[in-house]
Amino acid sequence: MQFKPDSCDVLFNDYVETWKKRFLTSCQSENKRRDYEQVIDYWILPHFGGKTFFQITGVALKEFIPTLVWKAGRKKGQALSASRIRNILIPLRAIWDDANEEHRWELSDPFTYVKKSLPKRSKKHPEVFRFDEWMQVVENIDPFYLPVAETMVMTGMIGSEIAGLRKMDIVGEHLIIQNSIVRQHEKTDLKTEYRSRRLPNTAALRERLDTVLIRSEGKYVFGMKSGRIFDVNSFRKNPWATAFKKAGLPYKVPYTMRHSFAAWALTLRMDPNKLVNLMGHGSKKMIYEVYGNYVEGLETDAGKILKYFGNDFIGLKENTTLTFTEKL
């Protein structure tokens, strides 16, 4: 007869060690595997390592959640975000589910019990640049990184895609987005199946890329001033943050450039179906529900945005008559 340990006899710490070898090592996503290991070692094991599975109840989880605070830095002692807390509970649940199933325990689900105690997710709409505000960033950013920032705002590309853009991905009138670099590791499988896409290489964009290609060595288009692979975290902490300080502007995260690209494109009345493809989304839902909220405040910027992006961005002919509030 096969031995079946009781839930009060199995220490969480002991089970996790074998679980990592049996299940986590087979995870196809290197990033997911790394994230799980960091969460388990930094947050979960220090709290639950010495407990048995019988002791991991809904009440125990309810007590665990208030302990999830920043342990260092300027936010030390402040509660983690609702999304971060939920992300910490994901690997904990995976381990608990596997143990419960493997040993045929009939424990009540502690995660269902604690669901109502979880902090609510923030529903803040992402920020978008007004055009003149963006120009202040452009005027104050380190000139070496200016083509990086302008490429991001002109394409909606994120940092990992910028890092992974190769010279071979610039094909005629298009940029082929099919590669990324995350934490210095190259990936050909992007965030979702829709993120592989073709972006128009407009005249304005080619001007920025040509500036970079002249100085670029190796197979990648963008890099850091030191010569190493482009690192979005270093970019964010140094030239990006410095530009806001010099301009005296409230700080916005680099992802604001992607949101601005979408909002600006809608302001220029781009076909939403085309924008879905350029953004790498699976449907128009995100376009309408998120980015559509920003169009109203940008109407007076439309002429400036079109001049910045160029008529070829939305396929206008040179003699097209504008109907925006502010004409070229």
C-alpha atoms as a PDB file:
ATOM      1  CA  MET A   1       0.000   0.000   0.000  1.00  0.00           C
ATOM      2  CA  GLN A   2       1.392   3.412  -1.008  1.00  0.00           C
ATOM      3  CA  PHE A   3       2.230   5.713   1.890  1.00  0.00           C
ATOM      4  CA  LYS A   4       0.079   8.834   2.022  1.00  0.00           C
ATOM      5  CA  PRO A   5       1.475  11.521   4.339  1.00  0.00           C
ATOM      6  CA  ASP A   6      -0.976  13.633   6.257  1.00  0.00           C
ATOM      7  CA  SER A   7      -1.066  17.370   5.605  1.00  0.00           C
ATOM      8  CA  CYS A   8       0.020  18.037   9.197  1.00  0.00           C
ATOM      9  CA  ASP A   9       3.195  15.995   8.632  1.00  0.00           C
ATOM     10  CA  VAL A  10       4.495  17.718   5.493  1.00  0.00           C
ATOM     11  CA  LEU A  11       6.507  20.904   5.981  1.00  0.00           C
ATOM     12  CA  PHE A  12       6.041  23.495   3.272  1.00  0.00           C
ATOM     13  CA  ASN A  13       9.792  24.073   3.043  1.00  0.00           C
ATOM     14  CA  ASP A  14      10.527  20.385   2.412  1.00  0.00           C
ATOM     15  CA  TYR A  15       7.879  20.057  -0.269  1.00  0.00           C
ATOM     16  CA  VAL A  16       9.005  23.218  -2.072  1.00  0.00           C
ATOM     17  CA  GLU A  17      12.539  21.881  -2.541  1.00  0.00           C
ATOM     18  CA  THR A  18      11.286  18.829  -4.440  1.00  0.00           C
ATOM     19  CA  TRP A  19       8.572  20.861  -6.200  1.00  0.00           C
ATOM     20  CA  LYS A  20      11.175  23.181  -7.706  1.00  0.00           C
ATOM     21  CA  LYS A  21      13.105  20.245  -9.165  1.00  0.00           C
ATOM     22  CA  ARG A  22      10.037  18.390 -10.441  1.00  0.00           C
ATOM     23  CA  PHE A  23       7.896  21.193 -11.819  1.00  0.00           C
ATOM     24  CA  LEU A  24       9.664  24.547 -11.924  1.00  0.00           C
ATOM     25  CA  THR A  25      12.676  23.293 -13.886  1.00  0.00           C
ATOM     26  CA  SER A  26      10.371  22.086 -16.662  1.00  0.00           C
ATOM     27  CA  CYS A  27       8.763  25.520 -17.091  1.00  0.00           C
ATOM     28  CA  GLN A  28       9.367  26.668 -20.679  1.00  0.00           C
ATOM     29  CA  SER A  29       9.477  30.364 -19.829  1.00  0.00           C
ATOM     30  CA  GLU A  30      12.826  31.308 -18.322  1.00  0.00           C
ATOM     31  CA  ASN A  31      11.399  34.596 -17.050  1.00  0.00           C
ATOM     32  CA  LYS A  32       8.480  32.878 -15.329  1.00  0.00           C
ATOM     33  CA  ARG A  33      10.829  30.372 -13.728  1.00  0.00           C
ATOM     34  CA  ARG A  34      13.093  33.151 -12.467  1.00  0.00           C
ATOM     35  CA  ASP A  35      10.159  35.223 -11.170  1.00  0.00           C
ATOM     36  CA  TYR A  36       8.677  32.219  -9.326  1.00  0.00           C
ATOM     37  CA  GLU A  37      12.005  31.415  -7.689  1.00  0.00           C
ATOM     38  CA  GLN A  38      12.501  34.994  -6.538  1.00  0.00           C
ATOM     39  CA  VAL A  39       8.985  35.233  -5.084  1.00  0.00           C
ATOM     40  CA  ILE A  40       9.269  31.859  -3.360  1.00  0.00           C
ATOM     41  CA  ASP A  41      12.680  32.547  -1.819  1.00  0.00           C
ATOM     42  CA  TYR A  42      12.115  36.198  -0.895  1.00  0.00           C
ATOM     43  CA  TRP A  43       8.480  36.304   0.191  1.00  0.00           C
ATOM     44  CA  ILE A  44       6.928  32.880   0.640  1.00  0.00           C
ATOM     45  CA  LEU A  45       9.512  30.631   2.304  1.00  0.00           C
ATOM     46  CA  PRO A  46      10.451  33.110   5.052  1.00  0.00           C
ATOM     47  CA  HIS A  47       6.803  33.154   6.150  1.00  0.00           C
ATOM     48  CA  PHE A  48       5.522  29.648   5.402  1.00  0.00           C
ATOM     49  CA  GLY A  49       8.709  27.574   5.284  1.00  0.00           C
ATOM     50  CA  GLY A  50       8.353  26.193   8.817  1.00  0.00           C
ATOM     51  CA  LYS A  51       4.598  25.550   8.591  1.00  0.00           C
ATOM     52  CA  THR A  52       2.850  22.366   7.553  1.00  0.00           C
ATOM     53  CA  PHE A  53       0.279  22.377   4.771  1.00  0.00           C
ATOM     54  CA  PHE A  54      -2.404  21.816   7.392  1.00  0.00           C
ATOM     55  CA  GLN A  55      -1.432  25.192   8.876  1.00  0.00           C
ATOM     56  CA  ILE A  56      -1.770  27.048   5.568  1.00  0.00           C
ATOM     57  CA  THR A  57      -5.381  28.084   5.996  1.00  0.00           C
ATOM     58  CA  GLY A  58      -7.418  31.001   4.788  1.00  0.00           C
ATOM     59  CA  VAL A  59      -6.806  32.718   8.109  1.00  0.00           C
ATOM     60  CA  ALA A  60      -3.046  32.148   7.734  1.00  0.00           C
ATOM     61  CA  LEU A  61      -3.155  33.779   4.302  1.00  0.00           C
ATOM     62  CA  LYS A  62      -5.196  36.634   5.715  1.00  0.00           C
ATOM     63  CA  GLU A  63      -2.416  37.213   8.257  1.00  0.00           C
ATOM     64  CA  PHE A  64       0.247  36.919   5.555  1.00  0.00           C
ATOM     65  CA  ILE A  65      -1.093  39.672   3.285  1.00  0.00           C
ATOM     66  CA  PRO A  66      -0.432  42.619   5.688  1.00  0.00           C
ATOM     67  CA  THR A  67       3.221  41.506   5.954  1.00  0.00           C
ATOM     68  CA  LEU A  68       3.750  42.115   2.231  1.00  0.00           C
ATOM     69  CA  VAL A  69       5.441  45.501   2.467  1.00  0.00           C
ATOM     70  CA  TRP A  70       8.539  47.000   0.915  1.00  0.00           C
ATOM     71  CA  LYS A  71      11.553  45.782   2.875  1.00  0.00           C
ATOM     72  CA  ALA A  72      14.010  48.449   1.722  1.00  0.00           C
ATOM     73  CA  GLY A  73      14.318  51.697  -0.222  1.00  0.00           C
ATOM     74  CA  ARG A  74      12.283  54.877  -0.062  1.00  0.00           C
ATOM     75  CA  LYS A  75       9.025  52.886   0.159  1.00  0.00           C
ATOM     76  CA  LYS A  76      10.214  50.770   3.089  1.00  0.00           C
ATOM     77  CA  GLY A  77       7.268  49.775   5.274  1.00  0.00           C
ATOM     78  CA  GLN A  78       4.636  50.681   2.658  1.00  0.00           C
ATOM     79  CA  ALA A  79       2.252  47.993   1.420  1.00  0.00           C
ATOM     80  CA  LEU A  80       2.971  46.398  -1.943  1.00  0.00           C
ATOM     81  CA  SER A  81       0.530  47.106  -4.758  1.00  0.00           C
ATOM     82  CA  ALA A  82      -2.561  44.939  -5.181  1.00  0.00           C
ATOM     83  CA  SER A  83      -1.138  43.493  -8.405  1.00  0.00           C
ATOM     84  CA  ARG A  84       2.178  42.650  -6.740  1.00  0.00           C
ATOM     85  CA  ILE A  85       0.431  40.898  -3.847  1.00  0.00           C
ATOM     86  CA  ARG A  86      -1.625  38.823  -6.270  1.00  0.00           C
ATOM     87  CA  ASN A  87       1.533  37.895  -8.177  1.00  0.00           C
ATOM     88  CA  ILE A  88       3.121  36.649  -4.947  1.00  0.00           C
ATOM     89  CA  LEU A  89       0.114  34.452  -4.242  1.00  0.00           C
ATOM     90  CA  ILE A  90       0.232  32.814  -7.692  1.00  0.00           C
ATOM     91  CA  PRO A  91       3.267  30.541  -7.053  1.00  0.00           C
ATOM     92  CA  LEU A  92       2.048  29.900  -3.504  1.00  0.00           C
ATOM     93  CA  ARG A  93      -1.239  28.652  -4.912  1.00  0.00           C
ATOM     94  CA  ALA A  94       0.532  26.529  -7.549  1.00  0.00           C
ATOM     95  CA  ILE A  95       2.565  24.772  -4.851  1.00  0.00           C
ATOM     96  CA  TRP A  96      -0.445  24.317  -2.579  1.00  0.00           C
ATOM     97  CA  ASP A  97      -2.603  22.920  -5.399  1.00  0.00           C
ATOM     98  CA  ASP A  98       0.069  20.421  -6.486  1.00  0.00           C
ATOM     99  CA  ALA A  99       0.637  19.175  -2.940  1.00  0.00           C
ATOM    100  CA  ASN A 100      -3.089  18.867  -2.262  1.00  0.00           C
ATOM    101  CA  GLU A 101      -3.623  16.929  -5.502  1.00  0.00           C
ATOM    102  CA  GLU A 102      -0.544  14.721  -5.191  1.00  0.00           C
ATOM    103  CA  HIS A 103      -1.309  13.562  -1.649  1.00  0.00           C
ATOM    104  CA  ARG A 104      -5.100  13.400  -2.156  1.00  0.00           C
ATOM    105  CA  TRP A 105      -5.748  15.734   0.730  1.00  0.00           C
ATOM    106  CA  GLU A 106      -9.211  17.179   1.109  1.00  0.00           C
ATOM    107  CA  LEU A 107      -8.225  20.535   2.515  1.00  0.00           C
ATOM    108  CA  SER A 108     -10.526  23.512   2.086  1.00  0.00           C
ATOM    109  CA  ASP A 109      -9.248  26.067  -0.418  1.00  0.00           C
ATOM    110  CA  PRO A 110      -7.596  28.904   1.577  1.00  0.00           C
ATOM    111  CA  PHE A 111      -7.333  31.105  -1.525  1.00  0.00           C
ATOM    112  CA  THR A 112     -11.095  31.176  -2.013  1.00  0.00           C
ATOM    113  CA  TYR A 113     -11.503  32.149   1.629  1.00  0.00           C
ATOM    114  CA  VAL A 114      -9.010  35.019   1.421  1.00  0.00           C
ATOM    115  CA  LYS A 115     -10.218  36.383  -1.926  1.00  0.00           C
ATOM    116  CA  LYS A 116     -12.397  39.077  -0.356  1.00  0.00           C
ATOM    117  CA  SER A 117      -9.504  40.224   1.828  1.00  0.00           C
ATOM    118  CA  LEU A 118      -7.218  41.028  -1.079  1.00  0.00           C
ATOM    119  CA  PRO A 119      -6.645  44.734  -1.780  1.00  0.00           C
ATOM    120  CA  LYS A 120      -8.520  46.076  -4.766  1.00  0.00           C
ATOM    121  CA  ARG A 121      -6.597  46.700  -7.955  1.00  0.00           C
ATOM    122  CA  SER A 122      -6.082  50.313  -8.913  1.00  0.00           C
ATOM    123  CA  LYS A 123      -8.109  51.334 -11.958  1.00  0.00           C
ATOM    124  CA  LYS A 124      -6.072  54.391 -12.857  1.00  0.00           C
ATOM    125  CA  HIS A 125      -5.891  55.128 -16.544  1.00  0.00           C
ATOM    126  CA  PRO A 126      -2.337  55.177 -17.908  1.00  0.00           C
ATOM    127  CA  GLU A 127      -0.878  58.611 -18.543  1.00  0.00           C
ATOM    128  CA  VAL A 128      -0.286  60.131 -21.969  1.00  0.00           C
ATOM    129  CA  PHE A 129       1.983  62.981 -23.046  1.00  0.00           C
ATOM    130  CA  ARG A 130       0.559  66.207 -24.371  1.00  0.00           C
ATOM    131  CA  PHE A 131       2.678  67.177 -27.342  1.00  0.00           C
ATOM    132  CA  ASP A 132       4.322  70.271 -25.834  1.00  0.00           C
ATOM    133  CA  GLU A 133       5.143  68.299 -22.703  1.00  0.00           C
ATOM    134  CA  TRP A 134       6.803  65.651 -24.861  1.00  0.00           C
ATOM    135  CA  MET A 135       8.853  68.334 -26.585  1.00  0.00           C
ATOM    136  CA  GLN A 136      10.183  69.393 -23.185  1.00  0.00           C
ATOM    137  CA  VAL A 137      11.385  65.837 -22.620  1.00  0.00           C
ATOM    138  CA  VAL A 138      12.946  65.810 -26.093  1.00  0.00           C
ATOM    139  CA  GLU A 139      14.814  69.061 -25.364  1.00  0.00           C
ATOM    140  CA  ASN A 140      16.219  67.843 -22.046  1.00  0.00           C
ATOM    141  CA  ILE A 141      17.104  64.194 -22.616  1.00  0.00           C
ATOM    142  CA  ASP A 142      20.705  63.154 -23.245  1.00  0.00           C
ATOM    143  CA  PRO A 143      21.135  63.542 -27.047  1.00  0.00           C
ATOM    144  CA  PHE A 144      22.619  60.039 -27.262  1.00  0.00           C
ATOM    145  CA  TYR A 145      19.306  58.561 -26.065  1.00  0.00           C
ATOM    146  CA  LEU A 146      17.003  60.940 -27.919  1.00  0.00           C
ATOM    147  CA  PRO A 147      16.609  58.602 -30.953  1.00  0.00           C
ATOM    148  CA  VAL A 148      15.681  55.788 -28.562  1.00  0.00           C
ATOM    149  CA  ALA A 149      12.901  57.801 -26.926  1.00  0.00           C
ATOM    150  CA  GLU A 150      11.607  59.142 -30.228  1.00  0.00           C
ATOM    151  CA  THR A 151      11.555  55.675 -31.785  1.00  0.00           C
ATOM    152  CA  MET A 152       9.517  54.421 -28.839  1.00  0.00           C
ATOM    153  CA  VAL A 153       6.959  57.213 -29.053  1.00  0.00           C
ATOM    154  CA  MET A 154       6.750  56.898 -32.865  1.00  0.00           C
ATOM    155  CA  THR A 155       6.205  53.124 -32.852  1.00  0.00           C
ATOM    156  CA  GLY A 156       4.709  52.057 -29.524  1.00  0.00           C
ATOM    157  CA  MET A 157       7.633  49.672 -28.997  1.00  0.00           C
ATOM    158  CA  ILE A 158       8.511  48.752 -25.420  1.00  0.00           C
ATOM    159  CA  GLY A 159      12.000  48.633 -23.929  1.00  0.00           C
ATOM    160  CA  SER A 160      12.597  44.918 -24.453  1.00  0.00           C
ATOM    161  CA  GLU A 161      11.629  45.253 -28.134  1.00  0.00           C
ATOM    162  CA  ILE A 162      13.925  48.258 -28.552  1.00  0.00           C
ATOM    163  CA  ALA A 163      16.760  46.233 -27.009  1.00  0.00           C
ATOM    164  CA  GLY A 164      16.092  43.283 -29.309  1.00  0.00           C
ATOM    165  CA  LEU A 165      15.711  45.238 -32.552  1.00  0.00           C
ATOM    166  CA  ARG A 166      18.361  44.003 -34.986  1.00  0.00           C
ATOM    167  CA  LYS A 167      19.635  45.653 -38.142  1.00  0.00           C
ATOM    168  CA  MET A 168      18.244  42.709 -40.090  1.00  0.00           C
ATOM    169  CA  ASP A 169      14.756  43.604 -38.736  1.00  0.00           C
ATOM    170  CA  ILE A 170      14.735  46.873 -40.705  1.00  0.00           C
ATOM    171  CA  VAL A 171      13.404  45.690 -44.050  1.00  0.00           C
ATOM    172  CA  GLY A 172      12.632  48.378 -46.616  1.00  0.00           C
ATOM    173  CA  GLU A 173       9.609  50.355 -45.489  1.00  0.00           C
ATOM    174  CA  HIS A 174       8.988  48.259 -42.379  1.00  0.00           C
ATOM    175  CA  LEU A 175      10.394  47.335 -38.992  1.00  0.00           C
ATOM    176  CA  ILE A 176       9.789  43.659 -38.269  1.00  0.00           C
ATOM    177  CA  ILE A 177       9.181  43.280 -34.526  1.00  0.00           C
ATOM    178  CA  GLN A 178       9.986  39.648 -33.793  1.00  0.00           C
ATOM    179  CA  ASN A 179      12.736  39.714 -31.203  1.00  0.00           C
ATOM    180  CA  SER A 180      13.231  41.074 -27.684  1.00  0.00           C
ATOM    181  CA  ILE A 181      15.797  41.116 -24.914  1.00  0.00           C
ATOM    182  CA  VAL A 182      14.551  40.691 -21.355  1.00  0.00           C
ATOM    183  CA  ARG A 183      17.082  40.860 -18.524  1.00  0.00           C
ATOM    184  CA  GLN A 184      19.907  40.461 -21.015  1.00  0.00           C
ATOM    185  CA  HIS A 185      18.363  37.289 -22.480  1.00  0.00           C
ATOM    186  CA  GLU A 186      17.253  37.254 -26.107  1.00  0.00           C
ATOM    187  CA  LYS A 187      13.759  35.963 -26.847  1.00  0.00           C
ATOM    188  CA  THR A 188      12.114  35.261 -30.184  1.00  0.00           C
ATOM    189  CA  ASP A 189       8.768  34.578 -28.496  1.00  0.00           C
ATOM    190  CA  LEU A 190       7.291  37.953 -27.611  1.00  0.00           C
ATOM    191  CA  LYS A 191       4.801  38.715 -24.837  1.00  0.00           C
ATOM    192  CA  THR A 192       1.841  37.406 -26.861  1.00  0.00           C
ATOM    193  CA  GLU A 193       1.407  35.896 -30.312  1.00  0.00           C
ATOM    194  CA  TYR A 194       0.135  39.273 -31.534  1.00  0.00           C
ATOM    195  CA  ARG A 195       3.255  41.199 -30.523  1.00  0.00           C
ATOM    196  CA  SER A 196       5.139  39.959 -33.611  1.00  0.00           C
ATOM    197  CA  ARG A 197       4.232  42.681 -36.077  1.00  0.00           C
ATOM    198  CA  ARG A 198       5.302  44.973 -38.929  1.00  0.00           C
ATOM    199  CA  LEU A 199       5.625  48.705 -38.269  1.00  0.00           C
ATOM    200  CA  PRO A 200       5.833  51.371 -40.978  1.00  0.00           C
ATOM    201  CA  ASN A 201       9.318  52.819 -41.337  1.00  0.00           C
ATOM    202  CA  THR A 202       8.198  56.388 -41.999  1.00  0.00           C
ATOM    203  CA  ALA A 203      10.480  59.186 -43.132  1.00  0.00           C
ATOM    204  CA  ALA A 204      10.550  60.686 -39.617  1.00  0.00           C
ATOM    205  CA  LEU A 205      11.369  57.312 -38.081  1.00  0.00           C
ATOM    206  CA  ARG A 206      14.086  56.581 -40.671  1.00  0.00           C
ATOM    207  CA  GLU A 207      15.736  59.876 -39.763  1.00  0.00           C
ATOM    208  CA  ARG A 208      16.024  58.758 -36.115  1.00  0.00           C
ATOM    209  CA  LEU A 209      17.171  55.250 -37.016  1.00  0.00           C
ATOM    210  CA  ASP A 210      19.821  56.538 -39.436  1.00  0.00           C
ATOM    211  CA  THR A 211      21.309  58.595 -36.603  1.00  0.00           C
ATOM    212  CA  VAL A 212      21.693  55.453 -34.525  1.00  0.00           C
ATOM    213  CA  LEU A 213      22.828  53.109 -37.296  1.00  0.00           C
ATOM    214  CA  ILE A 214      25.809  55.331 -38.104  1.00  0.00           C
ATOM    215  CA  ARG A 215      27.244  54.760 -34.636  1.00  0.00           C
ATOM    216  CA  SER A 216      25.905  51.248 -34.047  1.00  0.00           C
ATOM    217  CA  GLU A 217      28.288  48.296 -34.066  1.00  0.00           C
ATOM    218  CA  GLY A 218      27.211  44.669 -34.058  1.00  0.00           C
ATOM    219  CA  LYS A 219      23.805  43.251 -34.943  1.00  0.00           C
ATOM    220  CA  TYR A 220      21.581  45.374 -32.677  1.00  0.00           C
ATOM    221  CA  VAL A 221      20.296  48.819 -33.587  1.00  0.00           C
ATOM    222  CA  PHE A 222      20.238  50.361 -30.112  1.00  0.00           C
ATOM    223  CA  GLY A 223      22.689  50.198 -27.242  1.00  0.00           C
ATOM    224  CA  MET A 224      23.836  52.066 -24.175  1.00  0.00           C
ATOM    225  CA  LYS A 225      26.425  54.830 -24.272  1.00  0.00           C
ATOM    226  CA  SER A 226      28.863  52.420 -22.602  1.00  0.00           C
ATOM    227  CA  GLY A 227      28.602  50.101 -25.596  1.00  0.00           C
ATOM    228  CA  ARG A 228      26.605  47.341 -23.904  1.00  0.00           C
ATOM    229  CA  ILE A 229      23.166  46.065 -24.931  1.00  0.00           C
ATOM    230  CA  PHE A 230      20.309  48.513 -24.408  1.00  0.00           C
ATOM    231  CA  ASP A 231      18.978  48.188 -20.861  1.00  0.00           C
ATOM    232  CA  VAL A 232      15.574  49.774 -20.263  1.00  0.00           C
ATOM    233  CA  ASN A 233      16.118  49.904 -16.488  1.00  0.00           C
ATOM    234  CA  SER A 234      19.363  51.867 -16.852  1.00  0.00           C
ATOM    235  CA  PHE A 235      17.661  54.082 -19.432  1.00  0.00           C
ATOM    236  CA  ARG A 236      14.766  54.726 -17.039  1.00  0.00           C
ATOM    237  CA  LYS A 237      16.942  55.496 -14.022  1.00  0.00           C
ATOM    238  CA  ASN A 238      19.451  57.747 -15.756  1.00  0.00           C
ATOM    239  CA  PRO A 239      18.768  59.666 -19.005  1.00  0.00           C
ATOM    240  CA  TRP A 240      14.983  59.330 -18.758  1.00  0.00           C
ATOM    241  CA  ALA A 241      14.608  60.408 -15.113  1.00  0.00           C
ATOM    242  CA  THR A 242      17.227  63.142 -15.569  1.00  0.00           C
ATOM    243  CA  ALA A 243      15.282  64.656 -18.481  1.00  0.00           C
ATOM    244  CA  PHE A 244      12.222  65.152 -16.264  1.00  0.00           C
ATOM    245  CA  LYS A 245      14.284  66.773 -13.526  1.00  0.00           C
ATOM    246  CA  LYS A 246      15.946  69.153 -15.963  1.00  0.00           C
ATOM    247  CA  ALA A 247      12.596  70.029 -17.569  1.00  0.00           C
ATOM    248  CA  GLY A 248      10.861  70.445 -14.203  1.00  0.00           C
ATOM    249  CA  LEU A 249       8.124  68.025 -15.240  1.00  0.00           C
ATOM    250  CA  PRO A 250       6.200  65.513 -13.101  1.00  0.00           C
ATOM    251  CA  TYR A 251       7.758  62.110 -13.705  1.00  0.00           C
ATOM    252  CA  LYS A 252       6.151  59.639 -16.120  1.00  0.00           C
ATOM    253  CA  VAL A 253       7.299  56.055 -16.661  1.00  0.00           C
ATOM    254  CA  PRO A 254       8.803  55.105 -20.058  1.00  0.00           C
ATOM    255  CA  TYR A 255       5.707  53.000 -20.829  1.00  0.00           C
ATOM    256  CA  THR A 256       3.908  56.343 -21.210  1.00  0.00           C
ATOM    257  CA  MET A 257       5.522  56.545 -24.643  1.00  0.00           C
ATOM    258  CA  ARG A 258       3.616  53.456 -25.779  1.00  0.00           C
ATOM    259  CA  HIS A 259       0.337  54.832 -24.432  1.00  0.00           C
ATOM    260  CA  SER A 260       1.062  58.161 -26.108  1.00  0.00           C
ATOM    261  CA  PHE A 261       1.722  56.493 -29.452  1.00  0.00           C
ATOM    262  CA  ALA A 262      -1.719  54.853 -29.347  1.00  0.00           C
ATOM    263  CA  ALA A 263      -3.525  57.963 -28.144  1.00  0.00           C
ATOM    264  CA  TRP A 264      -1.785  60.158 -30.697  1.00  0.00           C
ATOM    265  CA  ALA A 265      -2.607  57.730 -33.503  1.00  0.00           C
ATOM    266  CA  LEU A 266      -6.282  57.829 -32.528  1.00  0.00           C
ATOM    267  CA  THR A 267      -6.104  61.611 -32.387  1.00  0.00           C
ATOM    268  CA  LEU A 268      -4.908  61.514 -36.011  1.00  0.00           C
ATOM    269  CA  ARG A 269      -7.964  59.352 -36.738  1.00  0.00           C
ATOM    270  CA  MET A 270      -6.024  56.247 -37.637  1.00  0.00           C
ATOM    271  CA  ASP A 271      -8.236  53.251 -38.427  1.00  0.00           C
ATOM    272  CA  PRO A 272      -8.553  51.355 -35.103  1.00  0.00           C
ATOM    273  CA  ASN A 273      -8.041  48.047 -36.931  1.00  0.00           C
ATOM    274  CA  LYS A 274      -4.681  49.281 -38.182  1.00  0.00           C
ATOM    275  CA  LEU A 275      -3.760  50.543 -34.731  1.00  0.00           C
ATOM    276  CA  VAL A 276      -4.587  47.139 -33.213  1.00  0.00           C
ATOM    277  CA  ASN A 277      -1.993  45.593 -35.519  1.00  0.00           C
ATOM    278  CA  LEU A 278       0.615  48.265 -34.846  1.00  0.00           C
ATOM    279  CA  MET A 279       0.191  47.881 -31.073  1.00  0.00           C
ATOM    280  CA  GLY A 280       0.276  44.082 -31.187  1.00  0.00           C
ATOM    281  CA  HIS A 281      -3.108  43.613 -29.495  1.00  0.00           C
ATOM    282  CA  GLY A 282      -5.488  40.744 -30.159  1.00  0.00           C
ATOM    283  CA  SER A 283      -8.616  42.877 -30.515  1.00  0.00           C
ATOM    284  CA  LYS A 284      -9.950  46.436 -30.548  1.00  0.00           C
ATOM    285  CA  LYS A 285     -11.137  46.152 -26.938  1.00  0.00           C
ATOM    286  CA  MET A 286      -7.942  47.636 -25.491  1.00  0.00           C
ATOM    287  CA  ILE A 287      -7.915  50.379 -28.118  1.00  0.00           C
ATOM    288  CA  TYR A 288     -11.412  51.597 -27.272  1.00  0.00           C
ATOM    289  CA  GLU A 289     -11.495  50.962 -23.511  1.00  0.00           C
ATOM    290  CA  VAL A 290      -8.062  52.311 -22.618  1.00  0.00           C
ATOM    291  CA  TYR A 291      -6.491  54.515 -25.253  1.00  0.00           C
ATOM    292  CA  GLY A 292      -9.772  55.950 -26.490  1.00  0.00           C
ATOM    293  CA  ASN A 293     -10.142  57.852 -23.218  1.00  0.00           C
ATOM    294  CA  TYR A 294      -7.258  60.125 -24.116  1.00  0.00           C
ATOM    295  CA  VAL A 295      -8.289  61.420 -27.522  1.00  0.00           C
ATOM    296  CA  GLU A 296     -10.476  64.260 -26.273  1.00  0.00           C
ATOM    297  CA  GLY A 297      -7.665  66.120 -24.492  1.00  0.00           C
ATOM    298  CA  LEU A 298      -5.317  65.844 -27.443  1.00  0.00           C
ATOM    299  CA  GLU A 299      -7.462  67.365 -30.177  1.00  0.00           C
ATOM    300  CA  THR A 300      -5.616  70.687 -30.111  1.00  0.00           C
ATOM    301  CA  ASP A 301      -2.292  68.842 -30.485  1.00  0.00           C
ATOM    302  CA  ALA A 302      -3.292  66.989 -33.657  1.00  0.00           C
ATOM    303  CA  GLY A 303      -1.546  69.319 -36.124  1.00  0.00           C
ATOM    304  CA  LYS A 304       1.723  69.219 -34.198  1.00  0.00           C
ATOM    305  CA  ILE A 305       1.562  65.448 -33.838  1.00  0.00           C
ATOM    306  CA  LEU A 306       0.979  64.957 -37.564  1.00  0.00           C
ATOM    307  CA  LYS A 307       3.904  67.228 -38.449  1.00  0.00           C
ATOM    308  CA  TYR A 308       6.086  65.281 -35.997  1.00  0.00           C
ATOM    309  CA  PHE A 309       5.038  61.828 -37.266  1.00  0.00           C
ATOM    310  CA  GLY A 310       4.752  62.866 -40.914  1.00  0.00           C
ATOM    311  CA  ASN A 311       1.919  62.426 -43.398  1.00  0.00           C
ATOM    312  CA  ASP A 312       3.163  58.956 -44.358  1.00  0.00           C
ATOM    313  CA  PHE A 313       2.363  57.735 -40.835  1.00  0.00           C
ATOM    314  CA  ILE A 314      -1.326  57.505 -41.646  1.00  0.00           C
ATOM    315  CA  GLY A 315      -0.996  57.414 -45.417  1.00  0.00           C
ATOM    316  CA  LEU A 316      -1.924  61.028 -46.154  1.00  0.00           C
ATOM    317  CA  LYS A 317      -0.808  62.644 -49.392  1.00  0.00           C
ATOM    318  CA  GLU A 318       1.244  65.804 -49.243  1.00  0.00           C
ATOM    319  CA  ASN A 319      -1.630  68.016 -50.434  1.00  0.00           C
ATOM    320  CA  THR A 320      -4.173  66.643 -47.971  1.00  0.00           C
ATOM    321  CA  THR A 321      -6.231  69.404 -46.311  1.00  0.00           C
ATOM    322  CA  LEU A 322      -6.230  69.120 -42.538  1.00  0.00           C
ATOM    323  CA  THR A 323      -9.420  69.534 -40.544  1.00  0.00           C
ATOM    324  CA  PHE A 324      -7.804  69.644 -37.115  1.00  0.00           C
ATOM    325  CA  THR A 325      -8.141  72.578 -34.764  1.00  0.00           C
ATOM    326  CA  GLU A 326      -4.496  73.462 -35.323  1.00  0.00           C
ATOM    327  CA  LYS A 327      -3.286  73.176 -38.907  1.00  0.00           C
ATOM    328  CA  LEU A 328       0.289  72.728 -40.003  1.00  0.00           C
END
